[in-house]
Amino acid sequence: MFKKIGDFFREVRVEATKVSWPGREEIIGSTVVVISVVIILSVFTGVTDLFISQLLEFLLIRK
């Protein structure tokens, strides 16, 4: 059992060396994109929520 675990971690190390790791610029670019999308979706969700709540309040009070 311990031999299998050791073999597994050796294979993981070998496979990790084959991975093409992103450079600093690519990581920074991806981070900027993710943060931008989160901000845009947050604003969109907030505005949509505000609009729907105002619409429902208007419809419910009017009746």
PDB file of N, CA and C in Angstrom:
ATOM      1  N   MET A   1       0.825  -1.192   0.000  1.00  0.00           N
ATOM      2  CA  MET A   1       0.000   0.000   0.000  1.00  0.00           C
ATOM      3  C   MET A   1       0.873   1.261   0.000  1.00  0.00           C
ATOM      4  N   PHE A   2       1.927   1.289   0.833  1.00  0.00           N
ATOM      5  CA  PHE A   2       2.804   2.458   0.888  1.00  0.00           C
ATOM      6  C   PHE A   2       3.575   2.626  -0.420  1.00  0.00           C
ATOM      7  N   LYS A   3       3.887   1.488  -1.084  1.00  0.00           N
ATOM      8  CA  LYS A   3       4.569   1.562  -2.372  1.00  0.00           C
ATOM      9  C   LYS A   3       3.665   2.242  -3.404  1.00  0.00           C
ATOM     10  N   LYS A   4       2.367   1.921  -3.385  1.00  0.00           N
ATOM     11  CA  LYS A   4       1.434   2.535  -4.324  1.00  0.00           C
ATOM     12  C   LYS A   4       1.325   4.040  -4.086  1.00  0.00           C
ATOM     13  N   ILE A   5       1.316   4.431  -2.826  1.00  0.00           N
ATOM     14  CA  ILE A   5       1.240   5.855  -2.489  1.00  0.00           C
ATOM     15  C   ILE A   5       2.501   6.568  -2.968  1.00  0.00           C
ATOM     16  N   GLY A   6       3.663   5.960  -2.745  1.00  0.00           N
ATOM     17  CA  GLY A   6       4.928   6.527  -3.208  1.00  0.00           C
ATOM     18  C   GLY A   6       4.968   6.641  -4.722  1.00  0.00           C
ATOM     19  N   ASP A   7       4.496   5.589  -5.407  1.00  0.00           N
ATOM     20  CA  ASP A   7       4.441   5.619  -6.875  1.00  0.00           C
ATOM     21  C   ASP A   7       3.525   6.739  -7.362  1.00  0.00           C
ATOM     22  N   PHE A   8       2.403   6.893  -6.687  1.00  0.00           N
ATOM     23  CA  PHE A   8       1.457   7.940  -7.077  1.00  0.00           C
ATOM     24  C   PHE A   8       2.112   9.324  -7.003  1.00  0.00           C
ATOM     25  N   PHE A   9       2.793   9.616  -5.891  1.00  0.00           N
ATOM     26  CA  PHE A   9       3.411  10.931  -5.742  1.00  0.00           C
ATOM     27  C   PHE A   9       4.570  11.128  -6.714  1.00  0.00           C
ATOM     28  N   ARG A  10       5.299  10.067  -7.050  1.00  0.00           N
ATOM     29  CA  ARG A  10       6.349  10.176  -8.063  1.00  0.00           C
ATOM     30  C   ARG A  10       5.745  10.518  -9.418  1.00  0.00           C
ATOM     31  N   GLU A  11       4.636   9.867  -9.761  1.00  0.00           N
ATOM     32  CA  GLU A  11       3.964  10.151 -11.031  1.00  0.00           C
ATOM     33  C   GLU A  11       3.406  11.570 -11.059  1.00  0.00           C
ATOM     34  N   VAL A  12       2.901  12.029  -9.919  1.00  0.00           N
ATOM     35  CA  VAL A  12       2.401  13.404  -9.840  1.00  0.00           C
ATOM     36  C   VAL A  12       3.533  14.383 -10.102  1.00  0.00           C
ATOM     37  N   ARG A  13       4.698  14.141  -9.525  1.00  0.00           N
ATOM     38  CA  ARG A  13       5.847  15.035  -9.728  1.00  0.00           C
ATOM     39  C   ARG A  13       6.275  15.043 -11.195  1.00  0.00           C
ATOM     40  N   VAL A  14       6.290  13.865 -11.831  1.00  0.00           N
ATOM     41  CA  VAL A  14       6.670  13.780 -13.245  1.00  0.00           C
ATOM     42  C   VAL A  14       5.662  14.541 -14.106  1.00  0.00           C
ATOM     43  N   GLU A  15       4.379  14.371 -13.843  1.00  0.00           N
ATOM     44  CA  GLU A  15       3.360  15.058 -14.625  1.00  0.00           C
ATOM     45  C   GLU A  15       3.394  16.565 -14.392  1.00  0.00           C
ATOM     46  N   ALA A  16       3.712  16.992 -13.180  1.00  0.00           N
ATOM     47  CA  ALA A  16       3.776  18.425 -12.871  1.00  0.00           C
ATOM     48  C   ALA A  16       4.892  19.106 -13.651  1.00  0.00           C
ATOM     49  N   THR A  17       5.962  18.376 -13.955  1.00  0.00           N
ATOM     50  CA  THR A  17       7.042  18.976 -14.743  1.00  0.00           C
ATOM     51  C   THR A  17       6.633  19.162 -16.200  1.00  0.00           C
ATOM     52  N   LYS A  18       5.630  18.426 -16.661  1.00  0.00           N
ATOM     53  CA  LYS A  18       5.169  18.531 -18.046  1.00  0.00           C
ATOM     54  C   LYS A  18       4.183  19.684 -18.241  1.00  0.00           C
ATOM     55  N   VAL A  19       3.683  20.242 -17.155  1.00  0.00           N
ATOM     56  CA  VAL A  19       2.664  21.294 -17.231  1.00  0.00           C
ATOM     57  C   VAL A  19       3.300  22.584 -17.728  1.00  0.00           C
ATOM     58  N   SER A  20       2.576  23.275 -18.584  1.00  0.00           N
ATOM     59  CA  SER A  20       3.020  24.582 -19.057  1.00  0.00           C
ATOM     60  C   SER A  20       2.447  25.636 -18.111  1.00  0.00           C
ATOM     61  N   TRP A  21       3.250  26.106 -17.157  1.00  0.00           N
ATOM     62  CA  TRP A  21       2.794  27.043 -16.154  1.00  0.00           C
ATOM     63  C   TRP A  21       2.717  28.443 -16.747  1.00  0.00           C
ATOM     64  N   PRO A  22       1.676  29.207 -16.428  1.00  0.00           N
ATOM     65  CA  PRO A  22       1.551  30.567 -16.979  1.00  0.00           C
ATOM     66  C   PRO A  22       2.601  31.498 -16.371  1.00  0.00           C
ATOM     67  N   GLY A  23       2.977  32.500 -17.172  1.00  0.00           N
ATOM     68  CA  GLY A  23       3.935  33.486 -16.691  1.00  0.00           C
ATOM     69  C   GLY A  23       3.249  34.560 -15.865  1.00  0.00           C
ATOM     70  N   ARG A  24       4.042  35.437 -15.306  1.00  0.00           N
ATOM     71  CA  ARG A  24       3.524  36.497 -14.441  1.00  0.00           C
ATOM     72  C   ARG A  24       2.533  37.391 -15.173  1.00  0.00           C
ATOM     73  N   GLU A  25       2.863  37.770 -16.409  1.00  0.00           N
ATOM     74  CA  GLU A  25       1.980  38.659 -17.181  1.00  0.00           C
ATOM     75  C   GLU A  25       0.632  37.994 -17.459  1.00  0.00           C
ATOM     76  N   GLU A  26       0.654  36.717 -17.778  1.00  0.00           N
ATOM     77  CA  GLU A  26      -0.594  35.999 -18.058  1.00  0.00           C
ATOM     78  C   GLU A  26      -1.460  35.889 -16.796  1.00  0.00           C
ATOM     79  N   ILE A  27      -0.835  35.652 -15.666  1.00  0.00           N
ATOM     80  CA  ILE A  27      -1.578  35.569 -14.403  1.00  0.00           C
ATOM     81  C   ILE A  27      -2.204  36.924 -14.068  1.00  0.00           C
ATOM     82  N   ILE A  28      -1.434  37.992 -14.229  1.00  0.00           N
ATOM     83  CA  ILE A  28      -1.952  39.336 -13.950  1.00  0.00           C
ATOM     84  C   ILE A  28      -3.111  39.654 -14.884  1.00  0.00           C
ATOM     85  N   GLY A  29      -2.955  39.339 -16.170  1.00  0.00           N
ATOM     86  CA  GLY A  29      -4.033  39.586 -17.137  1.00  0.00           C
ATOM     87  C   GLY A  29      -5.293  38.808 -16.799  1.00  0.00           C
ATOM     88  N   SER A  30      -5.142  37.544 -16.446  1.00  0.00           N
ATOM     89  CA  SER A  30      -6.300  36.718 -16.089  1.00  0.00           C
ATOM     90  C   SER A  30      -6.979  37.249 -14.829  1.00  0.00           C
ATOM     91  N   THR A  31      -6.191  37.688 -13.860  1.00  0.00           N
ATOM     92  CA  THR A  31      -6.744  38.231 -12.625  1.00  0.00           C
ATOM     93  C   THR A  31      -7.544  39.492 -12.892  1.00  0.00           C
ATOM     94  N   VAL A  32      -7.023  40.360 -13.754  1.00  0.00           N
ATOM     95  CA  VAL A  32      -7.736  41.596 -14.107  1.00  0.00           C
ATOM     96  C   VAL A  32      -9.054  41.253 -14.784  1.00  0.00           C
ATOM     97  N   VAL A  33      -9.045  40.277 -15.679  1.00  0.00           N
ATOM     98  CA  VAL A  33     -10.282  39.875 -16.365  1.00  0.00           C
ATOM     99  C   VAL A  33     -11.297  39.337 -15.364  1.00  0.00           C
ATOM    100  N   VAL A  34     -10.869  38.480 -14.455  1.00  0.00           N
ATOM    101  CA  VAL A  34     -11.782  37.892 -13.469  1.00  0.00           C
ATOM    102  C   VAL A  34     -12.380  38.970 -12.576  1.00  0.00           C
ATOM    103  N   ILE A  35     -11.545  39.878 -12.067  1.00  0.00           N
ATOM    104  CA  ILE A  35     -12.041  40.938 -11.185  1.00  0.00           C
ATOM    105  C   ILE A  35     -12.999  41.854 -11.944  1.00  0.00           C
ATOM    106  N   SER A  36     -12.677  42.165 -13.195  1.00  0.00           N
ATOM    107  CA  SER A  36     -13.558  43.013 -14.009  1.00  0.00           C
ATOM    108  C   SER A  36     -14.923  42.361 -14.224  1.00  0.00           C
ATOM    109  N   VAL A  37     -14.926  41.089 -14.558  1.00  0.00           N
ATOM    110  CA  VAL A  37     -16.186  40.381 -14.787  1.00  0.00           C
ATOM    111  C   VAL A  37     -17.003  40.313 -13.501  1.00  0.00           C
ATOM    112  N   VAL A  38     -16.350  40.074 -12.380  1.00  0.00           N
ATOM    113  CA  VAL A  38     -17.063  40.029 -11.088  1.00  0.00           C
ATOM    114  C   VAL A  38     -17.709  41.381 -10.794  1.00  0.00           C
ATOM    115  N   ILE A  39     -16.980  42.463 -11.023  1.00  0.00           N
ATOM    116  CA  ILE A  39     -17.532  43.796 -10.772  1.00  0.00           C
ATOM    117  C   ILE A  39     -18.713  44.070 -11.704  1.00  0.00           C
ATOM    118  N   ILE A  40     -18.555  43.773 -12.986  1.00  0.00           N
ATOM    119  CA  ILE A  40     -19.638  44.013 -13.954  1.00  0.00           C
ATOM    120  C   ILE A  40     -20.878  43.203 -13.590  1.00  0.00           C
ATOM    121  N   LEU A  41     -20.704  41.921 -13.271  1.00  0.00           N
ATOM    122  CA  LEU A  41     -21.856  41.090 -12.917  1.00  0.00           C
ATOM    123  C   LEU A  41     -22.485  41.530 -11.600  1.00  0.00           C
ATOM    124  N   SER A  42     -21.687  42.006 -10.660  1.00  0.00           N
ATOM    125  CA  SER A  42     -22.228  42.499  -9.387  1.00  0.00           C
ATOM    126  C   SER A  42     -23.089  43.735  -9.604  1.00  0.00           C
ATOM    127  N   VAL A  43     -22.578  44.660 -10.416  1.00  0.00           N
ATOM    128  CA  VAL A  43     -23.350  45.873 -10.709  1.00  0.00           C
ATOM    129  C   VAL A  43     -24.637  45.504 -11.455  1.00  0.00           C
ATOM    130  N   PHE A  44     -24.541  44.627 -12.441  1.00  0.00           N
ATOM    131  CA  PHE A  44     -25.722  44.203 -13.192  1.00  0.00           C
ATOM    132  C   PHE A  44     -26.751  43.556 -12.269  1.00  0.00           C
ATOM    133  N   THR A  45     -26.291  42.660 -11.390  1.00  0.00           N
ATOM    134  CA  THR A  45     -27.207  41.996 -10.464  1.00  0.00           C
ATOM    135  C   THR A  45     -27.844  42.994  -9.515  1.00  0.00           C
ATOM    136  N   GLY A  46     -27.067  43.943  -9.005  1.00  0.00           N
ATOM    137  CA  GLY A  46     -27.605  44.954  -8.097  1.00  0.00           C
ATOM    138  C   GLY A  46     -28.642  45.838  -8.769  1.00  0.00           C
ATOM    139  N   VAL A  47     -28.352  46.281  -9.990  1.00  0.00           N
ATOM    140  CA  VAL A  47     -29.300  47.137 -10.714  1.00  0.00           C
ATOM    141  C   VAL A  47     -30.567  46.357 -11.046  1.00  0.00           C
ATOM    142  N   THR A  48     -30.407  45.117 -11.486  1.00  0.00           N
ATOM    143  CA  THR A  48     -31.579  44.286 -11.801  1.00  0.00           C
ATOM    144  C   THR A  48     -32.423  44.047 -10.550  1.00  0.00           C
ATOM    145  N   ASP A  49     -31.793  43.759  -9.433  1.00  0.00           N
ATOM    146  CA  ASP A  49     -32.512  43.549  -8.182  1.00  0.00           C
ATOM    147  C   ASP A  49     -33.264  44.812  -7.765  1.00  0.00           C
ATOM    148  N   LEU A  50     -32.601  45.948  -7.874  1.00  0.00           N
ATOM    149  CA  LEU A  50     -33.249  47.220  -7.529  1.00  0.00           C
ATOM    150  C   LEU A  50     -34.458  47.477  -8.426  1.00  0.00           C
ATOM    151  N   PHE A  51     -34.298  47.252  -9.731  1.00  0.00           N
ATOM    152  CA  PHE A  51     -35.396  47.465 -10.674  1.00  0.00           C
ATOM    153  C   PHE A  51     -36.577  46.549 -10.371  1.00  0.00           C
ATOM    154  N   ILE A  52     -36.298  45.282 -10.156  1.00  0.00           N
ATOM    155  CA  ILE A  52     -37.384  44.318  -9.889  1.00  0.00           C
ATOM    156  C   ILE A  52     -38.071  44.632  -8.569  1.00  0.00           C
ATOM    157  N   SER A  53     -37.308  44.986  -7.536  1.00  0.00           N
ATOM    158  CA  SER A  53     -37.930  45.298  -6.246  1.00  0.00           C
ATOM    159  C   SER A  53     -38.783  46.565  -6.340  1.00  0.00           C
ATOM    160  N   GLN A  54     -38.320  47.564  -7.078  1.00  0.00           N
ATOM    161  CA  GLN A  54     -39.118  48.775  -7.263  1.00  0.00           C
ATOM    162  C   GLN A  54     -40.380  48.482  -8.066  1.00  0.00           C
ATOM    163  N   LEU A  55     -40.261  47.652  -9.088  1.00  0.00           N
ATOM    164  CA  LEU A  55     -41.424  47.279  -9.900  1.00  0.00           C
ATOM    165  C   LEU A  55     -42.447  46.522  -9.054  1.00  0.00           C
ATOM    166  N   LEU A  56     -41.992  45.565  -8.267  1.00  0.00           N
ATOM    167  CA  LEU A  56     -42.915  44.814  -7.423  1.00  0.00           C
ATOM    168  C   LEU A  56     -43.553  45.702  -6.363  1.00  0.00           C
ATOM    169  N   GLU A  57     -42.773  46.591  -5.791  1.00  0.00           N
ATOM    170  CA  GLU A  57     -43.322  47.514  -4.796  1.00  0.00           C
ATOM    171  C   GLU A  57     -44.393  48.398  -5.435  1.00  0.00           C
ATOM    172  N   PHE A  58     -44.136  48.883  -6.636  1.00  0.00           N
ATOM    173  CA  PHE A  58     -45.106  49.723  -7.342  1.00  0.00           C
ATOM    174  C   PHE A  58     -46.387  48.936  -7.637  1.00  0.00           C
ATOM    175  N   LEU A  59     -46.231  47.697  -8.099  1.00  0.00           N
ATOM    176  CA  LEU A  59     -47.402  46.875  -8.451  1.00  0.00           C
ATOM    177  C   LEU A  59     -48.203  46.472  -7.210  1.00  0.00           C
ATOM    178  N   LEU A  60     -47.538  46.183  -6.108  1.00  0.00           N
ATOM    179  CA  LEU A  60     -48.234  45.732  -4.912  1.00  0.00           C
ATOM    180  C   LEU A  60     -48.911  46.882  -4.180  1.00  0.00           C
ATOM    181  N   ILE A  61     -48.305  48.044  -4.158  1.00  0.00           N
ATOM    182  CA  ILE A  61     -48.907  49.192  -3.494  1.00  0.00           C
ATOM    183  C   ILE A  61     -50.073  49.721  -4.306  1.00  0.00           C
ATOM    184  N   ARG A  62     -49.984  49.624  -5.604  1.00  0.00           N
ATOM    185  CA  ARG A  62     -51.020  50.160  -6.491  1.00  0.00           C
ATOM    186  C   ARG A  62     -52.336  49.391  -6.332  1.00  0.00           C
ATOM    187  N   LYS A  63     -52.264  48.129  -6.017  1.00  0.00           N
ATOM    188  CA  LYS A  63     -53.483  47.318  -5.927  1.00  0.00           C
ATOM    189  C   LYS A  63     -54.209  47.652  -4.701  1.00  0.00           C
TER     190      LYS A  63
END
